Amino acid sequence: MSSVIFDPDAQAEFLSAVQYYEHCQSGLGHRFRLVVESAIQNVVENPFQYRVLHKPFRRCLLLKFPYGIIYSIEPDHIRIIAVAHTKRKPGYWLNRVKDTKDTEDNSLA
């Protein structure tokens, strides 16, 4: 399984966090992006490694940043539901849960 599909809101919050960190310090947004990409690669390589947060969703915590990748394991892909700050609005992403077939294929951009 190597395909990753981003929920459009997850992609938007990811890009917003990259911009925020880059605004805070030059190069920090790039470092955040690399950490997220690495975490997603780890999820793709071993999706069952991370704990179930709200069944069927799992969370991969990021190193050095207070964020987690919330995802579900689908038959033919990993679906990223949120790139969620761990100290803000827990569970806000639950309203994003829809039929996977309705989700368009989105990349990190």
PDB file of N, CA and C in Angstrom:
ATOM      1  N   MET A   1       0.856  -1.178   0.000  1.00  0.00           N
ATOM      2  CA  MET A   1       0.000   0.000   0.000  1.00  0.00           C
ATOM      3  C   MET A   1       0.898   1.237   0.000  1.00  0.00           C
ATOM      4  N   SER A   2       0.838   2.011  -1.053  1.00  0.00           N
ATOM      5  CA  SER A   2       1.703   3.191  -1.110  1.00  0.00           C
ATOM      6  C   SER A   2       0.941   4.482  -1.415  1.00  0.00           C
ATOM      7  N   SER A   3      -0.343   4.381  -1.642  1.00  0.00           N
ATOM      8  CA  SER A   3      -1.120   5.550  -1.987  1.00  0.00           C
ATOM      9  C   SER A   3      -1.605   6.271  -0.731  1.00  0.00           C
ATOM     10  N   VAL A   4      -1.502   7.598  -0.753  1.00  0.00           N
ATOM     11  CA  VAL A   4      -1.975   8.429   0.349  1.00  0.00           C
ATOM     12  C   VAL A   4      -2.958   9.445  -0.218  1.00  0.00           C
ATOM     13  N   ILE A   5      -4.125   9.552   0.414  1.00  0.00           N
ATOM     14  CA  ILE A   5      -5.119  10.540   0.016  1.00  0.00           C
ATOM     15  C   ILE A   5      -5.340  11.479   1.196  1.00  0.00           C
ATOM     16  N   PHE A   6      -5.196  12.773   0.930  1.00  0.00           N
ATOM     17  CA  PHE A   6      -5.399  13.805   1.943  1.00  0.00           C
ATOM     18  C   PHE A   6      -6.829  14.324   1.878  1.00  0.00           C
ATOM     19  N   ASP A   7      -7.491  14.392   3.021  1.00  0.00           N
ATOM     20  CA  ASP A   7      -8.736  15.141   3.107  1.00  0.00           C
ATOM     21  C   ASP A   7      -8.383  16.593   2.763  1.00  0.00           C
ATOM     22  N   PRO A   8      -9.194  17.293   1.994  1.00  0.00           N
ATOM     23  CA  PRO A   8      -8.861  18.679   1.631  1.00  0.00           C
ATOM     24  C   PRO A   8      -8.615  19.584   2.843  1.00  0.00           C
ATOM     25  N   ASP A   9      -9.371  19.394   3.917  1.00  0.00           N
ATOM     26  CA  ASP A   9      -9.146  20.198   5.127  1.00  0.00           C
ATOM     27  C   ASP A   9      -7.814  19.856   5.789  1.00  0.00           C
ATOM     28  N   ALA A  10      -7.431  18.588   5.747  1.00  0.00           N
ATOM     29  CA  ALA A  10      -6.141  18.174   6.312  1.00  0.00           C
ATOM     30  C   ALA A  10      -4.998  18.800   5.520  1.00  0.00           C
ATOM     31  N   GLN A  11      -5.146  18.823   4.215  1.00  0.00           N
ATOM     32  CA  GLN A  11      -4.120  19.433   3.372  1.00  0.00           C
ATOM     33  C   GLN A  11      -4.011  20.927   3.663  1.00  0.00           C
ATOM     34  N   ALA A  12      -5.158  21.591   3.819  1.00  0.00           N
ATOM     35  CA  ALA A  12      -5.156  23.031   4.099  1.00  0.00           C
ATOM     36  C   ALA A  12      -4.517  23.326   5.452  1.00  0.00           C
ATOM     37  N   GLU A  13      -4.826  22.529   6.479  1.00  0.00           N
ATOM     38  CA  GLU A  13      -4.232  22.800   7.790  1.00  0.00           C
ATOM     39  C   GLU A  13      -2.743  22.488   7.798  1.00  0.00           C
ATOM     40  N   PHE A  14      -2.327  21.498   7.037  1.00  0.00           N
ATOM     41  CA  PHE A  14      -0.903  21.188   6.903  1.00  0.00           C
ATOM     42  C   PHE A  14      -0.166  22.372   6.281  1.00  0.00           C
ATOM     43  N   LEU A  15      -0.677  22.877   5.174  1.00  0.00           N
ATOM     44  CA  LEU A  15      -0.024  24.000   4.495  1.00  0.00           C
ATOM     45  C   LEU A  15      -0.049  25.261   5.356  1.00  0.00           C
ATOM     46  N   SER A  16      -1.118  25.456   6.105  1.00  0.00           N
ATOM     47  CA  SER A  16      -1.208  26.593   7.019  1.00  0.00           C
ATOM     48  C   SER A  16      -0.147  26.497   8.121  1.00  0.00           C
ATOM     49  N   ALA A  17       0.059  25.308   8.648  1.00  0.00           N
ATOM     50  CA  ALA A  17       1.077  25.116   9.682  1.00  0.00           C
ATOM     51  C   ALA A  17       2.480  25.340   9.117  1.00  0.00           C
ATOM     52  N   VAL A  18       2.716  24.906   7.878  1.00  0.00           N
ATOM     53  CA  VAL A  18       4.013  25.153   7.235  1.00  0.00           C
ATOM     54  C   VAL A  18       4.259  26.658   7.153  1.00  0.00           C
ATOM     55  N   GLN A  19       3.255  27.393   6.702  1.00  0.00           N
ATOM     56  CA  GLN A  19       3.387  28.855   6.591  1.00  0.00           C
ATOM     57  C   GLN A  19       3.600  29.497   7.956  1.00  0.00           C
ATOM     58  N   TYR A  20       2.858  29.045   8.962  1.00  0.00           N
ATOM     59  CA  TYR A  20       2.993  29.591  10.309  1.00  0.00           C
ATOM     60  C   TYR A  20       4.421  29.406  10.819  1.00  0.00           C
ATOM     61  N   TYR A  21       4.945  28.198  10.723  1.00  0.00           N
ATOM     62  CA  TYR A  21       6.295  27.936  11.222  1.00  0.00           C
ATOM     63  C   TYR A  21       7.349  28.700  10.425  1.00  0.00           C
ATOM     64  N   GLU A  22       7.125  28.842   9.127  1.00  0.00           N
ATOM     65  CA  GLU A  22       8.080  29.594   8.304  1.00  0.00           C
ATOM     66  C   GLU A  22       8.063  31.065   8.694  1.00  0.00           C
ATOM     67  N   HIS A  23       6.893  31.581   9.046  1.00  0.00           N
ATOM     68  CA  HIS A  23       6.767  32.970   9.497  1.00  0.00           C
ATOM     69  C   HIS A  23       7.485  33.172  10.848  1.00  0.00           C
ATOM     70  N   CYS A  24       7.407  32.156  11.696  1.00  0.00           N
ATOM     71  CA  CYS A  24       8.064  32.230  13.017  1.00  0.00           C
ATOM     72  C   CYS A  24       9.579  32.271  12.892  1.00  0.00           C
ATOM     73  N   GLN A  25      10.102  31.446  11.990  1.00  0.00           N
ATOM     74  CA  GLN A  25      11.552  31.365  11.807  1.00  0.00           C
ATOM     75  C   GLN A  25      11.848  30.818  10.416  1.00  0.00           C
ATOM     76  N   SER A  26      12.699  31.486   9.705  1.00  0.00           N
ATOM     77  CA  SER A  26      13.057  31.046   8.360  1.00  0.00           C
ATOM     78  C   SER A  26      13.611  29.620   8.398  1.00  0.00           C
ATOM     79  N   GLY A  27      13.051  28.764   7.572  1.00  0.00           N
ATOM     80  CA  GLY A  27      13.490  27.376   7.490  1.00  0.00           C
ATOM     81  C   GLY A  27      12.707  26.425   8.389  1.00  0.00           C
ATOM     82  N   LEU A  28      12.007  26.961   9.386  1.00  0.00           N
ATOM     83  CA  LEU A  28      11.256  26.098  10.306  1.00  0.00           C
ATOM     84  C   LEU A  28      10.061  25.451   9.614  1.00  0.00           C
ATOM     85  N   GLY A  29       9.420  26.182   8.722  1.00  0.00           N
ATOM     86  CA  GLY A  29       8.309  25.604   7.960  1.00  0.00           C
ATOM     87  C   GLY A  29       8.771  24.437   7.106  1.00  0.00           C
ATOM     88  N   HIS A  30       9.939  24.590   6.511  1.00  0.00           N
ATOM     89  CA  HIS A  30      10.511  23.504   5.702  1.00  0.00           C
ATOM     90  C   HIS A  30      10.803  22.287   6.582  1.00  0.00           C
ATOM     91  N   ARG A  31      11.349  22.526   7.772  1.00  0.00           N
ATOM     92  CA  ARG A  31      11.635  21.419   8.697  1.00  0.00           C
ATOM     93  C   ARG A  31      10.344  20.713   9.113  1.00  0.00           C
ATOM     94  N   PHE A  32       9.293  21.494   9.374  1.00  0.00           N
ATOM     95  CA  PHE A  32       7.997  20.904   9.721  1.00  0.00           C
ATOM     96  C   PHE A  32       7.498  20.026   8.577  1.00  0.00           C
ATOM     97  N   ARG A  33       7.589  20.536   7.367  1.00  0.00           N
ATOM     98  CA  ARG A  33       7.148  19.781   6.189  1.00  0.00           C
ATOM     99  C   ARG A  33       7.896  18.453   6.079  1.00  0.00           C
ATOM    100  N   LEU A  34       9.214  18.484   6.291  1.00  0.00           N
ATOM    101  CA  LEU A  34      10.010  17.253   6.208  1.00  0.00           C
ATOM    102  C   LEU A  34       9.611  16.249   7.286  1.00  0.00           C
ATOM    103  N   VAL A  35       9.334  16.738   8.491  1.00  0.00           N
ATOM    104  CA  VAL A  35       8.914  15.853   9.581  1.00  0.00           C
ATOM    105  C   VAL A  35       7.566  15.216   9.251  1.00  0.00           C
ATOM    106  N   VAL A  36       6.637  16.002   8.712  1.00  0.00           N
ATOM    107  CA  VAL A  36       5.327  15.459   8.327  1.00  0.00           C
ATOM    108  C   VAL A  36       5.489  14.423   7.219  1.00  0.00           C
ATOM    109  N   GLU A  37       6.273  14.737   6.204  1.00  0.00           N
ATOM    110  CA  GLU A  37       6.480  13.796   5.095  1.00  0.00           C
ATOM    111  C   GLU A  37       7.112  12.500   5.590  1.00  0.00           C
ATOM    112  N   SER A  38       8.065  12.607   6.511  1.00  0.00           N
ATOM    113  CA  SER A  38       8.703  11.423   7.080  1.00  0.00           C
ATOM    114  C   SER A  38       7.703  10.593   7.878  1.00  0.00           C
ATOM    115  N   ALA A  39       6.866  11.258   8.664  1.00  0.00           N
ATOM    116  CA  ALA A  39       5.851  10.553   9.450  1.00  0.00           C
ATOM    117  C   ALA A  39       4.866   9.830   8.531  1.00  0.00           C
ATOM    118  N   ILE A  40       4.459  10.491   7.465  1.00  0.00           N
ATOM    119  CA  ILE A  40       3.531   9.857   6.526  1.00  0.00           C
ATOM    120  C   ILE A  40       4.182   8.643   5.874  1.00  0.00           C
ATOM    121  N   GLN A  41       5.452   8.753   5.546  1.00  0.00           N
ATOM    122  CA  GLN A  41       6.162   7.594   4.978  1.00  0.00           C
ATOM    123  C   GLN A  41       6.200   6.443   5.973  1.00  0.00           C
ATOM    124  N   ASN A  42       6.421   6.757   7.259  1.00  0.00           N
ATOM    125  CA  ASN A  42       6.401   5.717   8.293  1.00  0.00           C
ATOM    126  C   ASN A  42       5.030   5.069   8.391  1.00  0.00           C
ATOM    127  N   VAL A  43       3.979   5.868   8.280  1.00  0.00           N
ATOM    128  CA  VAL A  43       2.612   5.339   8.320  1.00  0.00           C
ATOM    129  C   VAL A  43       2.379   4.410   7.136  1.00  0.00           C
ATOM    130  N   VAL A  44       2.825   4.818   5.960  1.00  0.00           N
ATOM    131  CA  VAL A  44       2.649   3.990   4.763  1.00  0.00           C
ATOM    132  C   VAL A  44       3.385   2.661   4.916  1.00  0.00           C
ATOM    133  N   GLU A  45       4.586   2.711   5.470  1.00  0.00           N
ATOM    134  CA  GLU A  45       5.394   1.495   5.613  1.00  0.00           C
ATOM    135  C   GLU A  45       4.864   0.551   6.689  1.00  0.00           C
ATOM    136  N   ASN A  46       4.269   1.098   7.736  1.00  0.00           N
ATOM    137  CA  ASN A  46       3.759   0.268   8.824  1.00  0.00           C
ATOM    138  C   ASN A  46       2.524   0.916   9.452  1.00  0.00           C
ATOM    139  N   PRO A  47       1.394   0.880   8.767  1.00  0.00           N
ATOM    140  CA  PRO A  47       0.211   1.609   9.220  1.00  0.00           C
ATOM    141  C   PRO A  47      -0.369   1.134  10.550  1.00  0.00           C
ATOM    142  N   PHE A  48      -0.130  -0.116  10.926  1.00  0.00           N
ATOM    143  CA  PHE A  48      -0.692  -0.643  12.169  1.00  0.00           C
ATOM    144  C   PHE A  48       0.187  -0.362  13.385  1.00  0.00           C
ATOM    145  N   GLN A  49       1.299   0.300  13.166  1.00  0.00           N
ATOM    146  CA  GLN A  49       2.245   0.603  14.240  1.00  0.00           C
ATOM    147  C   GLN A  49       1.685   1.608  15.252  1.00  0.00           C
ATOM    148  N   TYR A  50       0.811   2.485  14.822  1.00  0.00           N
ATOM    149  CA  TYR A  50       0.346   3.591  15.655  1.00  0.00           C
ATOM    150  C   TYR A  50      -0.987   3.265  16.317  1.00  0.00           C
ATOM    151  N   ARG A  51      -1.203   3.866  17.481  1.00  0.00           N
ATOM    152  CA  ARG A  51      -2.372   3.514  18.288  1.00  0.00           C
ATOM    153  C   ARG A  51      -3.674   4.028  17.685  1.00  0.00           C
ATOM    154  N   VAL A  52      -4.727   3.298  17.974  1.00  0.00           N
ATOM    155  CA  VAL A  52      -6.068   3.700  17.564  1.00  0.00           C
ATOM    156  C   VAL A  52      -6.495   4.845  18.470  1.00  0.00           C
ATOM    157  N   LEU A  53      -6.928   5.924  17.851  1.00  0.00           N
ATOM    158  CA  LEU A  53      -7.366   7.101  18.589  1.00  0.00           C
ATOM    159  C   LEU A  53      -8.885   7.044  18.785  1.00  0.00           C
ATOM    160  N   HIS A  54      -9.615   6.987  17.700  1.00  0.00           N
ATOM    161  CA  HIS A  54     -11.059   6.758  17.659  1.00  0.00           C
ATOM    162  C   HIS A  54     -11.257   5.781  16.515  1.00  0.00           C
ATOM    163  N   LYS A  55     -11.667   4.574  16.833  1.00  0.00           N
ATOM    164  CA  LYS A  55     -11.790   3.544  15.810  1.00  0.00           C
ATOM    165  C   LYS A  55     -12.607   4.048  14.632  1.00  0.00           C
ATOM    166  N   PRO A  56     -12.150   3.933  13.408  1.00  0.00           N
ATOM    167  CA  PRO A  56     -10.985   3.234  12.893  1.00  0.00           C
ATOM    168  C   PRO A  56      -9.760   4.139  12.696  1.00  0.00           C
ATOM    169  N   PHE A  57      -9.716   5.274  13.350  1.00  0.00           N
ATOM    170  CA  PHE A  57      -8.660   6.249  13.098  1.00  0.00           C
ATOM    171  C   PHE A  57      -7.478   6.067  14.040  1.00  0.00           C
ATOM    172  N   ARG A  58      -6.303   6.260  13.485  1.00  0.00           N
ATOM    173  CA  ARG A  58      -5.053   6.123  14.224  1.00  0.00           C
ATOM    174  C   ARG A  58      -4.315   7.455  14.211  1.00  0.00           C
ATOM    175  N   ARG A  59      -3.351   7.597  15.143  1.00  0.00           N
ATOM    176  CA  ARG A  59      -2.590   8.843  15.218  1.00  0.00           C
ATOM    177  C   ARG A  59      -1.102   8.541  15.301  1.00  0.00           C
ATOM    178  N   CYS A  60      -0.360   9.200  14.448  1.00  0.00           N
ATOM    179  CA  CYS A  60       1.102   9.166  14.454  1.00  0.00           C
ATOM    180  C   CYS A  60       1.567  10.528  14.962  1.00  0.00           C
ATOM    181  N   LEU A  61       2.198  10.545  16.136  1.00  0.00           N
ATOM    182  CA  LEU A  61       2.696  11.801  16.689  1.00  0.00           C
ATOM    183  C   LEU A  61       3.999  12.194  16.008  1.00  0.00           C
ATOM    184  N   LEU A  62       4.154  13.492  15.771  1.00  0.00           N
ATOM    185  CA  LEU A  62       5.364  13.994  15.132  1.00  0.00           C
ATOM    186  C   LEU A  62       6.475  14.209  16.154  1.00  0.00           C
ATOM    187  N   LEU A  63       7.686  14.038  15.702  1.00  0.00           N
ATOM    188  CA  LEU A  63       8.844  14.352  16.535  1.00  0.00           C
ATOM    189  C   LEU A  63       9.119  15.848  16.447  1.00  0.00           C
ATOM    190  N   LYS A  64       9.369  16.482  17.573  1.00  0.00           N
ATOM    191  CA  LYS A  64       9.783  17.879  17.675  1.00  0.00           C
ATOM    192  C   LYS A  64       8.710  18.922  17.386  1.00  0.00           C
ATOM    193  N   PHE A  65       7.515  18.499  17.009  1.00  0.00           N
ATOM    194  CA  PHE A  65       6.410  19.428  16.764  1.00  0.00           C
ATOM    195  C   PHE A  65       5.164  18.883  17.457  1.00  0.00           C
ATOM    196  N   PRO A  66       4.314  19.750  17.998  1.00  0.00           N
ATOM    197  CA  PRO A  66       3.125  19.280  18.733  1.00  0.00           C
ATOM    198  C   PRO A  66       1.950  18.946  17.805  1.00  0.00           C
ATOM    199  N   TYR A  67       2.182  18.068  16.874  1.00  0.00           N
ATOM    200  CA  TYR A  67       1.170  17.681  15.889  1.00  0.00           C
ATOM    201  C   TYR A  67       1.093  16.168  15.775  1.00  0.00           C
ATOM    202  N   GLY A  68      -0.046  15.707  15.316  1.00  0.00           N
ATOM    203  CA  GLY A  68      -0.235  14.305  15.015  1.00  0.00           C
ATOM    204  C   GLY A  68      -0.894  14.152  13.660  1.00  0.00           C
ATOM    205  N   ILE A  69      -0.557  13.082  12.980  1.00  0.00           N
ATOM    206  CA  ILE A  69      -1.188  12.739  11.705  1.00  0.00           C
ATOM    207  C   ILE A  69      -2.330  11.774  12.043  1.00  0.00           C
ATOM    208  N   ILE A  70      -3.553  12.187  11.771  1.00  0.00           N
ATOM    209  CA  ILE A  70      -4.724  11.339  12.006  1.00  0.00           C
ATOM    210  C   ILE A  70      -5.067  10.687  10.670  1.00  0.00           C
ATOM    211  N   TYR A  71      -5.181   9.362  10.673  1.00  0.00           N
ATOM    212  CA  TYR A  71      -5.388   8.660   9.407  1.00  0.00           C
ATOM    213  C   TYR A  71      -6.244   7.420   9.608  1.00  0.00           C
ATOM    214  N   SER A  72      -6.751   6.920   8.493  1.00  0.00           N
ATOM    215  CA  SER A  72      -7.440   5.635   8.483  1.00  0.00           C
ATOM    216  C   SER A  72      -6.770   4.745   7.448  1.00  0.00           C
ATOM    217  N   ILE A  73      -6.869   3.468   7.694  1.00  0.00           N
ATOM    218  CA  ILE A  73      -6.295   2.477   6.787  1.00  0.00           C
ATOM    219  C   ILE A  73      -7.440   1.954   5.921  1.00  0.00           C
ATOM    220  N   GLU A  74      -7.384   2.286   4.661  1.00  0.00           N
ATOM    221  CA  GLU A  74      -8.398   1.851   3.700  1.00  0.00           C
ATOM    222  C   GLU A  74      -7.842   0.648   2.931  1.00  0.00           C
ATOM    223  N   PRO A  75      -8.691  -0.083   2.212  1.00  0.00           N
ATOM    224  CA  PRO A  75      -8.202  -1.277   1.505  1.00  0.00           C
ATOM    225  C   PRO A  75      -7.050  -1.005   0.533  1.00  0.00           C
ATOM    226  N   ASP A  76      -7.069   0.155  -0.131  1.00  0.00           N
ATOM    227  CA  ASP A  76      -6.045   0.405  -1.144  1.00  0.00           C
ATOM    228  C   ASP A  76      -5.254   1.691  -0.925  1.00  0.00           C
ATOM    229  N   HIS A  77      -5.432   2.345   0.228  1.00  0.00           N
ATOM    230  CA  HIS A  77      -4.690   3.575   0.490  1.00  0.00           C
ATOM    231  C   HIS A  77      -4.773   3.957   1.963  1.00  0.00           C
ATOM    232  N   ILE A  78      -3.950   4.926   2.326  1.00  0.00           N
ATOM    233  CA  ILE A  78      -4.005   5.567   3.637  1.00  0.00           C
ATOM    234  C   ILE A  78      -4.734   6.889   3.431  1.00  0.00           C
ATOM    235  N   ARG A  79      -5.713   7.166   4.266  1.00  0.00           N
ATOM    236  CA  ARG A  79      -6.467   8.421   4.163  1.00  0.00           C
ATOM    237  C   ARG A  79      -6.084   9.321   5.331  1.00  0.00           C
ATOM    238  N   ILE A  80      -5.478  10.464   5.028  1.00  0.00           N
ATOM    239  CA  ILE A  80      -5.092  11.439   6.042  1.00  0.00           C
ATOM    240  C   ILE A  80      -6.318  12.308   6.337  1.00  0.00           C
ATOM    241  N   ILE A  81      -6.791  12.240   7.574  1.00  0.00           N
ATOM    242  CA  ILE A  81      -7.973  12.981   7.992  1.00  0.00           C
ATOM    243  C   ILE A  81      -7.589  14.356   8.525  1.00  0.00           C
ATOM    244  N   ALA A  82      -6.446  14.431   9.235  1.00  0.00           N
ATOM    245  CA  ALA A  82      -6.039  15.700   9.849  1.00  0.00           C
ATOM    246  C   ALA A  82      -4.542  15.709  10.116  1.00  0.00           C
ATOM    247  N   VAL A  83      -3.989  16.901  10.076  1.00  0.00           N
ATOM    248  CA  VAL A  83      -2.660  17.188  10.604  1.00  0.00           C
ATOM    249  C   VAL A  83      -2.969  18.090  11.791  1.00  0.00           C
ATOM    250  N   ALA A  84      -3.174  17.455  12.944  1.00  0.00           N
ATOM    251  CA  ALA A  84      -3.804  18.107  14.084  1.00  0.00           C
ATOM    252  C   ALA A  84      -2.809  18.516  15.162  1.00  0.00           C
ATOM    253  N   HIS A  85      -2.938  19.758  15.616  1.00  0.00           N
ATOM    254  CA  HIS A  85      -2.165  20.235  16.763  1.00  0.00           C
ATOM    255  C   HIS A  85      -2.658  19.464  17.986  1.00  0.00           C
ATOM    256  N   THR A  86      -1.738  18.948  18.779  1.00  0.00           N
ATOM    257  CA  THR A  86      -2.120  18.078  19.894  1.00  0.00           C
ATOM    258  C   THR A  86      -2.689  18.826  21.094  1.00  0.00           C
ATOM    259  N   LYS A  87      -2.566  20.152  21.120  1.00  0.00           N
ATOM    260  CA  LYS A  87      -3.053  20.926  22.261  1.00  0.00           C
ATOM    261  C   LYS A  87      -4.280  21.771  21.958  1.00  0.00           C
ATOM    262  N   ARG A  88      -4.848  21.595  20.776  1.00  0.00           N
ATOM    263  CA  ARG A  88      -6.004  22.405  20.373  1.00  0.00           C
ATOM    264  C   ARG A  88      -7.179  21.541  19.952  1.00  0.00           C
ATOM    265  N   LYS A  89      -8.339  21.869  20.423  1.00  0.00           N
ATOM    266  CA  LYS A  89      -9.611  21.283  19.975  1.00  0.00           C
ATOM    267  C   LYS A  89      -9.544  19.779  19.684  1.00  0.00           C
ATOM    268  N   PRO A  90      -9.352  18.951  20.685  1.00  0.00           N
ATOM    269  CA  PRO A  90      -9.291  17.511  20.416  1.00  0.00           C
ATOM    270  C   PRO A  90     -10.573  17.012  19.734  1.00  0.00           C
ATOM    271  N   GLY A  91     -10.399  16.178  18.738  1.00  0.00           N
ATOM    272  CA  GLY A  91     -11.539  15.575  18.057  1.00  0.00           C
ATOM    273  C   GLY A  91     -12.258  16.454  17.055  1.00  0.00           C
ATOM    274  N   TYR A  92     -11.752  17.678  16.813  1.00  0.00           N
ATOM    275  CA  TYR A  92     -12.427  18.580  15.868  1.00  0.00           C
ATOM    276  C   TYR A  92     -12.557  17.964  14.484  1.00  0.00           C
ATOM    277  N   TRP A  93     -11.656  17.082  14.148  1.00  0.00           N
ATOM    278  CA  TRP A  93     -11.592  16.488  12.814  1.00  0.00           C
ATOM    279  C   TRP A  93     -12.649  15.402  12.602  1.00  0.00           C
ATOM    280  N   LEU A  94     -13.321  14.974  13.665  1.00  0.00           N
ATOM    281  CA  LEU A  94     -14.305  13.897  13.515  1.00  0.00           C
ATOM    282  C   LEU A  94     -15.433  14.248  12.547  1.00  0.00           C
ATOM    283  N   ASN A  95     -15.727  15.550  12.406  1.00  0.00           N
ATOM    284  CA  ASN A  95     -16.793  15.943  11.464  1.00  0.00           C
ATOM    285  C   ASN A  95     -16.354  15.821  10.009  1.00  0.00           C
ATOM    286  N   ARG A  96     -15.106  15.503   9.767  1.00  0.00           N
ATOM    287  CA  ARG A  96     -14.605  15.330   8.394  1.00  0.00           C
ATOM    288  C   ARG A  96     -14.857  13.940   7.854  1.00  0.00           C
ATOM    289  N   VAL A  97     -15.255  13.041   8.710  1.00  0.00           N
ATOM    290  CA  VAL A  97     -15.399  11.645   8.323  1.00  0.00           C
ATOM    291  C   VAL A  97     -16.577  11.500   7.373  1.00  0.00           C
ATOM    292  N   LYS A  98     -16.255  11.103   6.161  1.00  0.00           N
ATOM    293  CA  LYS A  98     -17.255  10.893   5.114  1.00  0.00           C
ATOM    294  C   LYS A  98     -16.897   9.611   4.388  1.00  0.00           C
ATOM    295  N   ASP A  99     -17.706   9.243   3.466  1.00  0.00           N
ATOM    296  CA  ASP A  99     -17.420   8.081   2.637  1.00  0.00           C
ATOM    297  C   ASP A  99     -16.127   8.331   1.867  1.00  0.00           C
ATOM    298  N   THR A 100     -15.202   7.426   1.970  1.00  0.00           N
ATOM    299  CA  THR A 100     -13.899   7.555   1.318  1.00  0.00           C
ATOM    300  C   THR A 100     -14.031   7.737  -0.190  1.00  0.00           C
ATOM    301  N   LYS A 101     -15.041   7.187  -0.784  1.00  0.00           N
ATOM    302  CA  LYS A 101     -15.217   7.306  -2.236  1.00  0.00           C
ATOM    303  C   LYS A 101     -15.479   8.737  -2.665  1.00  0.00           C
ATOM    304  N   ASP A 102     -15.967   9.578  -1.749  1.00  0.00           N
ATOM    305  CA  ASP A 102     -16.241  10.967  -2.078  1.00  0.00           C
ATOM    306  C   ASP A 102     -15.001  11.849  -2.012  1.00  0.00           C
ATOM    307  N   THR A 103     -13.903  11.315  -1.500  1.00  0.00           N
ATOM    308  CA  THR A 103     -12.691  12.105  -1.305  1.00  0.00           C
ATOM    309  C   THR A 103     -11.837  12.079  -2.564  1.00  0.00           C
ATOM    310  N   GLU A 104     -11.402  13.249  -2.978  1.00  0.00           N
ATOM    311  CA  GLU A 104     -10.532  13.339  -4.151  1.00  0.00           C
ATOM    312  C   GLU A 104      -9.093  13.084  -3.744  1.00  0.00           C
ATOM    313  N   ASP A 105      -8.288  12.627  -4.703  1.00  0.00           N
ATOM    314  CA  ASP A 105      -6.874  12.373  -4.454  1.00  0.00           C
ATOM    315  C   ASP A 105      -6.138  13.709  -4.377  1.00  0.00           C
ATOM    316  N   ASN A 106      -5.584  14.010  -3.200  1.00  0.00           N
ATOM    317  CA  ASN A 106      -4.859  15.259  -2.988  1.00  0.00           C
ATOM    318  C   ASN A 106      -3.450  14.943  -2.524  1.00  0.00           C
ATOM    319  N   SER A 107      -2.486  15.677  -3.039  1.00  0.00           N
ATOM    320  CA  SER A 107      -1.098  15.487  -2.623  1.00  0.00           C
ATOM    321  C   SER A 107      -0.726  16.576  -1.632  1.00  0.00           C
ATOM    322  N   LEU A 108       0.532  16.551  -1.191  1.00  0.00           N
ATOM    323  CA  LEU A 108       1.009  17.550  -0.241  1.00  0.00           C
ATOM    324  C   LEU A 108       1.125  18.922  -0.867  1.00  0.00           C
ATOM    325  N   ALA A 109       1.059  19.019  -2.149  1.00  0.00           N
ATOM    326  CA  ALA A 109       1.114  20.279  -2.920  1.00  0.00           C
ATOM    327  C   ALA A 109       2.451  20.948  -2.899  1.00  0.00           C
TER     328      ALA A 109
END
